[in-house]
Amino acid sequence: MKKLLIAAAAAAGLASGAVLAQADVLKAQGCLGCHDMEKKKVGPSFKDVTAKYKGDKSKAGDIVSKMKDGKGHPKVSKSDSDLKAAVEAALSVK
């Protein structure tokens, strides 16, 4: 039983660490100015974006293209790798 509790606590710690890592990536790219994890701000919440794409990370490239072209999102002048990291973090919000 003690091992089960330790494993559960470790899993909870890893999950909260993943959420913090997501927030760090999104904050570094400036996404949190218009988006929030749970509620709509200027743009949709990341939770709503995740629901829309249903965790389909293959859509990350399409979203990055839209962001760079300014189609459906204000035009963003970041590197493709930075944008892809931010989009993947956004799509993994639960």
N, C-alpha and C. Protein backbone atom coordinates (compact mmCIF):
# COMPACT_ATOMS: atom_id res chain seq x y z
N MET A 1 0.82 -1.19 0.00
CA MET A 1 0.00 0.00 0.00
C MET A 1 0.87 1.25 0.00
N LYS A 2 1.94 1.22 0.77
CA LYS A 2 2.83 2.37 0.85
C LYS A 2 3.45 2.66 -0.52
N LYS A 3 3.82 1.61 -1.27
CA LYS A 3 4.40 1.79 -2.60
C LYS A 3 3.39 2.41 -3.54
N LEU A 4 2.12 2.03 -3.40
CA LEU A 4 1.06 2.58 -4.24
C LEU A 4 0.90 4.08 -3.98
N LEU A 5 0.92 4.48 -2.73
CA LEU A 5 0.80 5.89 -2.39
C LEU A 5 1.99 6.70 -2.92
N ILE A 6 3.18 6.12 -2.82
CA ILE A 6 4.37 6.80 -3.32
C ILE A 6 4.29 6.96 -4.84
N ALA A 7 3.84 5.91 -5.52
CA ALA A 7 3.71 5.97 -6.98
C ALA A 7 2.67 7.01 -7.38
N ALA A 8 1.56 7.07 -6.65
CA ALA A 8 0.52 8.06 -6.96
C ALA A 8 1.04 9.48 -6.75
N ALA A 9 1.77 9.68 -5.68
CA ALA A 9 2.33 11.01 -5.40
C ALA A 9 3.35 11.40 -6.47
N ALA A 10 4.16 10.46 -6.91
CA ALA A 10 5.15 10.73 -7.95
C ALA A 10 4.46 11.08 -9.27
N ALA A 11 3.41 10.35 -9.60
CA ALA A 11 2.67 10.63 -10.84
C ALA A 11 2.03 12.01 -10.79
N ALA A 12 1.48 12.38 -9.65
CA ALA A 12 0.88 13.71 -9.50
C ALA A 12 1.94 14.79 -9.64
N GLY A 13 3.11 14.55 -9.11
CA GLY A 13 4.20 15.51 -9.24
C GLY A 13 4.66 15.67 -10.67
N LEU A 14 4.73 14.57 -11.41
CA LEU A 14 5.12 14.64 -12.82
C LEU A 14 4.06 15.38 -13.63
N ALA A 15 2.79 15.13 -13.32
CA ALA A 15 1.71 15.80 -14.06
C ALA A 15 1.75 17.30 -13.81
N SER A 16 1.96 17.71 -12.57
CA SER A 16 2.00 19.15 -12.29
C SER A 16 3.25 19.77 -12.92
N GLY A 17 4.34 19.02 -12.99
CA GLY A 17 5.54 19.50 -13.66
C GLY A 17 5.31 19.70 -15.14
N ALA A 18 4.54 18.80 -15.75
CA ALA A 18 4.23 18.92 -17.18
C ALA A 18 3.39 20.16 -17.44
N VAL A 19 2.45 20.44 -16.55
CA VAL A 19 1.61 21.64 -16.70
C VAL A 19 2.47 22.89 -16.58
N LEU A 20 3.40 22.90 -15.65
CA LEU A 20 4.28 24.05 -15.49
C LEU A 20 5.17 24.23 -16.72
N ALA A 21 5.65 23.13 -17.29
CA ALA A 21 6.47 23.21 -18.50
C ALA A 21 5.67 23.78 -19.66
N GLN A 22 4.40 23.34 -19.80
CA GLN A 22 3.53 23.87 -20.84
C GLN A 22 3.37 25.37 -20.67
N ALA A 23 3.07 25.79 -19.46
CA ALA A 23 2.86 27.21 -19.18
C ALA A 23 4.13 28.02 -19.47
N ASP A 24 5.29 27.46 -19.16
CA ASP A 24 6.55 28.16 -19.42
C ASP A 24 6.76 28.37 -20.92
N VAL A 25 6.49 27.34 -21.71
CA VAL A 25 6.66 27.45 -23.17
C VAL A 25 5.69 28.48 -23.72
N LEU A 26 4.44 28.41 -23.29
CA LEU A 26 3.42 29.32 -23.80
C LEU A 26 3.68 30.76 -23.37
N LYS A 27 4.17 30.93 -22.16
CA LYS A 27 4.50 32.27 -21.67
C LYS A 27 5.69 32.84 -22.43
N ALA A 28 6.69 32.01 -22.67
CA ALA A 28 7.89 32.47 -23.36
C ALA A 28 7.58 32.93 -24.79
N GLN A 29 6.59 32.33 -25.41
CA GLN A 29 6.24 32.70 -26.78
C GLN A 29 5.21 33.82 -26.84
N GLY A 30 4.74 34.27 -25.68
CA GLY A 30 3.80 35.39 -25.64
C GLY A 30 2.34 34.99 -25.80
N CYS A 31 2.06 33.70 -25.77
CA CYS A 31 0.69 33.21 -26.01
C CYS A 31 -0.28 33.59 -24.89
N LEU A 32 0.25 33.69 -23.67
CA LEU A 32 -0.63 33.94 -22.52
C LEU A 32 -1.16 35.36 -22.47
N GLY A 33 -0.69 36.22 -23.36
CA GLY A 33 -1.25 37.56 -23.44
C GLY A 33 -2.68 37.55 -23.97
N CYS A 34 -2.97 36.61 -24.87
CA CYS A 34 -4.29 36.53 -25.50
C CYS A 34 -5.06 35.27 -25.15
N HIS A 35 -4.36 34.25 -24.65
CA HIS A 35 -4.99 32.97 -24.33
C HIS A 35 -4.80 32.64 -22.85
N ASP A 36 -5.68 31.81 -22.34
CA ASP A 36 -5.60 31.31 -20.97
C ASP A 36 -5.75 29.80 -21.03
N MET A 37 -5.32 29.11 -20.02
CA MET A 37 -5.45 27.66 -19.99
C MET A 37 -6.92 27.23 -19.96
N GLU A 38 -7.72 27.90 -19.13
CA GLU A 38 -9.09 27.45 -18.87
C GLU A 38 -10.20 28.31 -19.46
N LYS A 39 -9.95 29.62 -19.62
CA LYS A 39 -11.05 30.50 -20.04
C LYS A 39 -10.67 31.33 -21.25
N LYS A 40 -11.68 31.77 -21.98
CA LYS A 40 -11.47 32.60 -23.17
C LYS A 40 -11.00 33.99 -22.75
N LYS A 41 -9.99 34.48 -23.43
CA LYS A 41 -9.55 35.87 -23.27
C LYS A 41 -9.81 36.54 -24.61
N VAL A 42 -8.81 37.06 -25.24
CA VAL A 42 -8.93 37.59 -26.60
C VAL A 42 -9.12 36.41 -27.55
N GLY A 43 -8.33 35.36 -27.34
CA GLY A 43 -8.44 34.14 -28.12
C GLY A 43 -9.02 33.03 -27.28
N PRO A 44 -9.29 31.88 -27.87
CA PRO A 44 -9.88 30.76 -27.12
C PRO A 44 -8.91 30.21 -26.08
N SER A 45 -9.47 29.53 -25.08
CA SER A 45 -8.63 28.89 -24.08
C SER A 45 -7.91 27.71 -24.72
N PHE A 46 -6.78 27.35 -24.14
CA PHE A 46 -6.05 26.20 -24.67
C PHE A 46 -6.85 24.92 -24.47
N LYS A 47 -7.65 24.88 -23.43
CA LYS A 47 -8.52 23.72 -23.20
C LYS A 47 -9.51 23.58 -24.37
N ASP A 48 -10.07 24.69 -24.84
CA ASP A 48 -11.00 24.66 -25.97
C ASP A 48 -10.28 24.29 -27.27
N VAL A 49 -9.07 24.77 -27.45
CA VAL A 49 -8.29 24.43 -28.64
C VAL A 49 -8.00 22.93 -28.66
N THR A 50 -7.61 22.41 -27.51
CA THR A 50 -7.34 20.97 -27.40
C THR A 50 -8.59 20.17 -27.73
N ALA A 51 -9.74 20.61 -27.22
CA ALA A 51 -11.00 19.92 -27.51
C ALA A 51 -11.32 19.97 -29.01
N LYS A 52 -11.06 21.11 -29.63
CA LYS A 52 -11.35 21.27 -31.06
C LYS A 52 -10.53 20.29 -31.90
N TYR A 53 -9.26 20.16 -31.57
CA TYR A 53 -8.39 19.28 -32.34
C TYR A 53 -8.28 17.89 -31.73
N LYS A 54 -8.95 17.67 -30.63
CA LYS A 54 -9.01 16.37 -29.96
C LYS A 54 -7.65 15.71 -29.82
N GLY A 55 -6.66 16.51 -29.43
CA GLY A 55 -5.32 15.98 -29.18
C GLY A 55 -4.59 15.53 -30.42
N ASP A 56 -5.05 15.88 -31.61
CA ASP A 56 -4.41 15.50 -32.86
C ASP A 56 -3.19 16.38 -33.10
N LYS A 57 -2.04 15.94 -32.61
CA LYS A 57 -0.83 16.75 -32.72
C LYS A 57 -0.33 16.88 -34.15
N SER A 58 -0.90 16.08 -35.06
CA SER A 58 -0.51 16.22 -36.46
C SER A 58 -1.00 17.55 -37.03
N LYS A 59 -1.94 18.20 -36.37
CA LYS A 59 -2.46 19.50 -36.80
C LYS A 59 -1.52 20.65 -36.42
N ALA A 60 -0.50 20.37 -35.63
CA ALA A 60 0.41 21.42 -35.17
C ALA A 60 1.02 22.18 -36.34
N GLY A 61 1.43 21.48 -37.38
CA GLY A 61 2.02 22.13 -38.54
C GLY A 61 1.04 23.06 -39.24
N ASP A 62 -0.23 22.64 -39.34
CA ASP A 62 -1.25 23.48 -39.96
C ASP A 62 -1.48 24.75 -39.14
N ILE A 63 -1.50 24.60 -37.83
CA ILE A 63 -1.73 25.74 -36.95
C ILE A 63 -0.55 26.71 -37.03
N VAL A 64 0.66 26.18 -37.05
CA VAL A 64 1.86 27.02 -37.17
C VAL A 64 1.80 27.82 -38.47
N SER A 65 1.41 27.17 -39.56
CA SER A 65 1.30 27.86 -40.86
C SER A 65 0.30 29.01 -40.79
N LYS A 66 -0.84 28.76 -40.16
CA LYS A 66 -1.86 29.81 -40.03
C LYS A 66 -1.33 30.98 -39.20
N MET A 67 -0.58 30.67 -38.16
CA MET A 67 -0.04 31.72 -37.30
C MET A 67 1.00 32.56 -38.05
N LYS A 68 1.84 31.90 -38.84
CA LYS A 68 2.87 32.62 -39.59
C LYS A 68 2.27 33.45 -40.73
N ASP A 69 1.16 32.95 -41.32
CA ASP A 69 0.50 33.66 -42.43
C ASP A 69 -0.51 34.69 -41.95
N GLY A 70 -0.88 34.64 -40.68
CA GLY A 70 -1.88 35.57 -40.16
C GLY A 70 -3.29 35.21 -40.58
N LYS A 71 -3.55 33.93 -40.76
CA LYS A 71 -4.88 33.46 -41.15
C LYS A 71 -5.58 32.84 -39.94
N GLY A 72 -6.58 33.55 -39.41
CA GLY A 72 -7.30 33.05 -38.25
C GLY A 72 -6.59 33.31 -36.93
N HIS A 73 -5.45 33.97 -36.99
CA HIS A 73 -4.65 34.29 -35.81
C HIS A 73 -3.77 35.47 -36.21
N PRO A 74 -3.54 36.41 -35.29
CA PRO A 74 -2.62 37.50 -35.65
C PRO A 74 -1.27 36.94 -36.10
N LYS A 75 -0.69 37.57 -37.10
CA LYS A 75 0.57 37.10 -37.66
C LYS A 75 1.66 37.09 -36.59
N VAL A 76 2.39 36.00 -36.52
CA VAL A 76 3.43 35.81 -35.51
C VAL A 76 4.77 35.65 -36.22
N SER A 77 5.76 36.41 -35.77
CA SER A 77 7.09 36.33 -36.39
C SER A 77 8.07 35.65 -35.44
N LYS A 78 7.84 34.39 -35.20
CA LYS A 78 8.74 33.55 -34.39
C LYS A 78 9.25 32.44 -35.30
N SER A 79 10.26 31.72 -34.85
CA SER A 79 10.77 30.61 -35.65
C SER A 79 9.75 29.48 -35.65
N ASP A 80 9.82 28.66 -36.70
CA ASP A 80 8.91 27.52 -36.79
C ASP A 80 9.05 26.59 -35.60
N SER A 81 10.27 26.38 -35.13
CA SER A 81 10.47 25.47 -34.00
C SER A 81 9.86 26.04 -32.72
N ASP A 82 9.97 27.35 -32.50
CA ASP A 82 9.36 27.97 -31.32
C ASP A 82 7.84 27.87 -31.39
N LEU A 83 7.30 28.16 -32.57
CA LEU A 83 5.84 28.09 -32.73
C LEU A 83 5.34 26.67 -32.58
N LYS A 84 6.07 25.72 -33.15
CA LYS A 84 5.63 24.32 -33.05
C LYS A 84 5.65 23.86 -31.59
N ALA A 85 6.67 24.26 -30.84
CA ALA A 85 6.73 23.90 -29.42
C ALA A 85 5.55 24.49 -28.66
N ALA A 86 5.21 25.74 -28.96
CA ALA A 86 4.08 26.40 -28.30
C ALA A 86 2.76 25.73 -28.67
N VAL A 87 2.59 25.41 -29.96
CA VAL A 87 1.34 24.77 -30.41
C VAL A 87 1.21 23.38 -29.81
N GLU A 88 2.29 22.63 -29.78
CA GLU A 88 2.24 21.29 -29.17
C GLU A 88 1.92 21.37 -27.68
N ALA A 89 2.48 22.38 -27.01
CA ALA A 89 2.15 22.58 -25.60
C ALA A 89 0.68 22.93 -25.43
N ALA A 90 0.17 23.79 -26.31
CA ALA A 90 -1.24 24.18 -26.25
C ALA A 90 -2.15 22.99 -26.52
N LEU A 91 -1.78 22.14 -27.47
CA LEU A 91 -2.61 20.98 -27.81
C LEU A 91 -2.56 19.89 -26.75
N SER A 92 -1.61 19.97 -25.84
CA SER A 92 -1.54 18.95 -24.79
C SER A 92 -2.20 19.37 -23.49
N VAL A 93 -2.79 20.56 -23.46
CA VAL A 93 -3.50 21.02 -22.26
C VAL A 93 -4.75 20.18 -22.08
N LYS A 94 -4.97 19.75 -20.86
CA LYS A 94 -6.15 18.92 -20.57
C LYS A 94 -7.12 19.64 -19.71
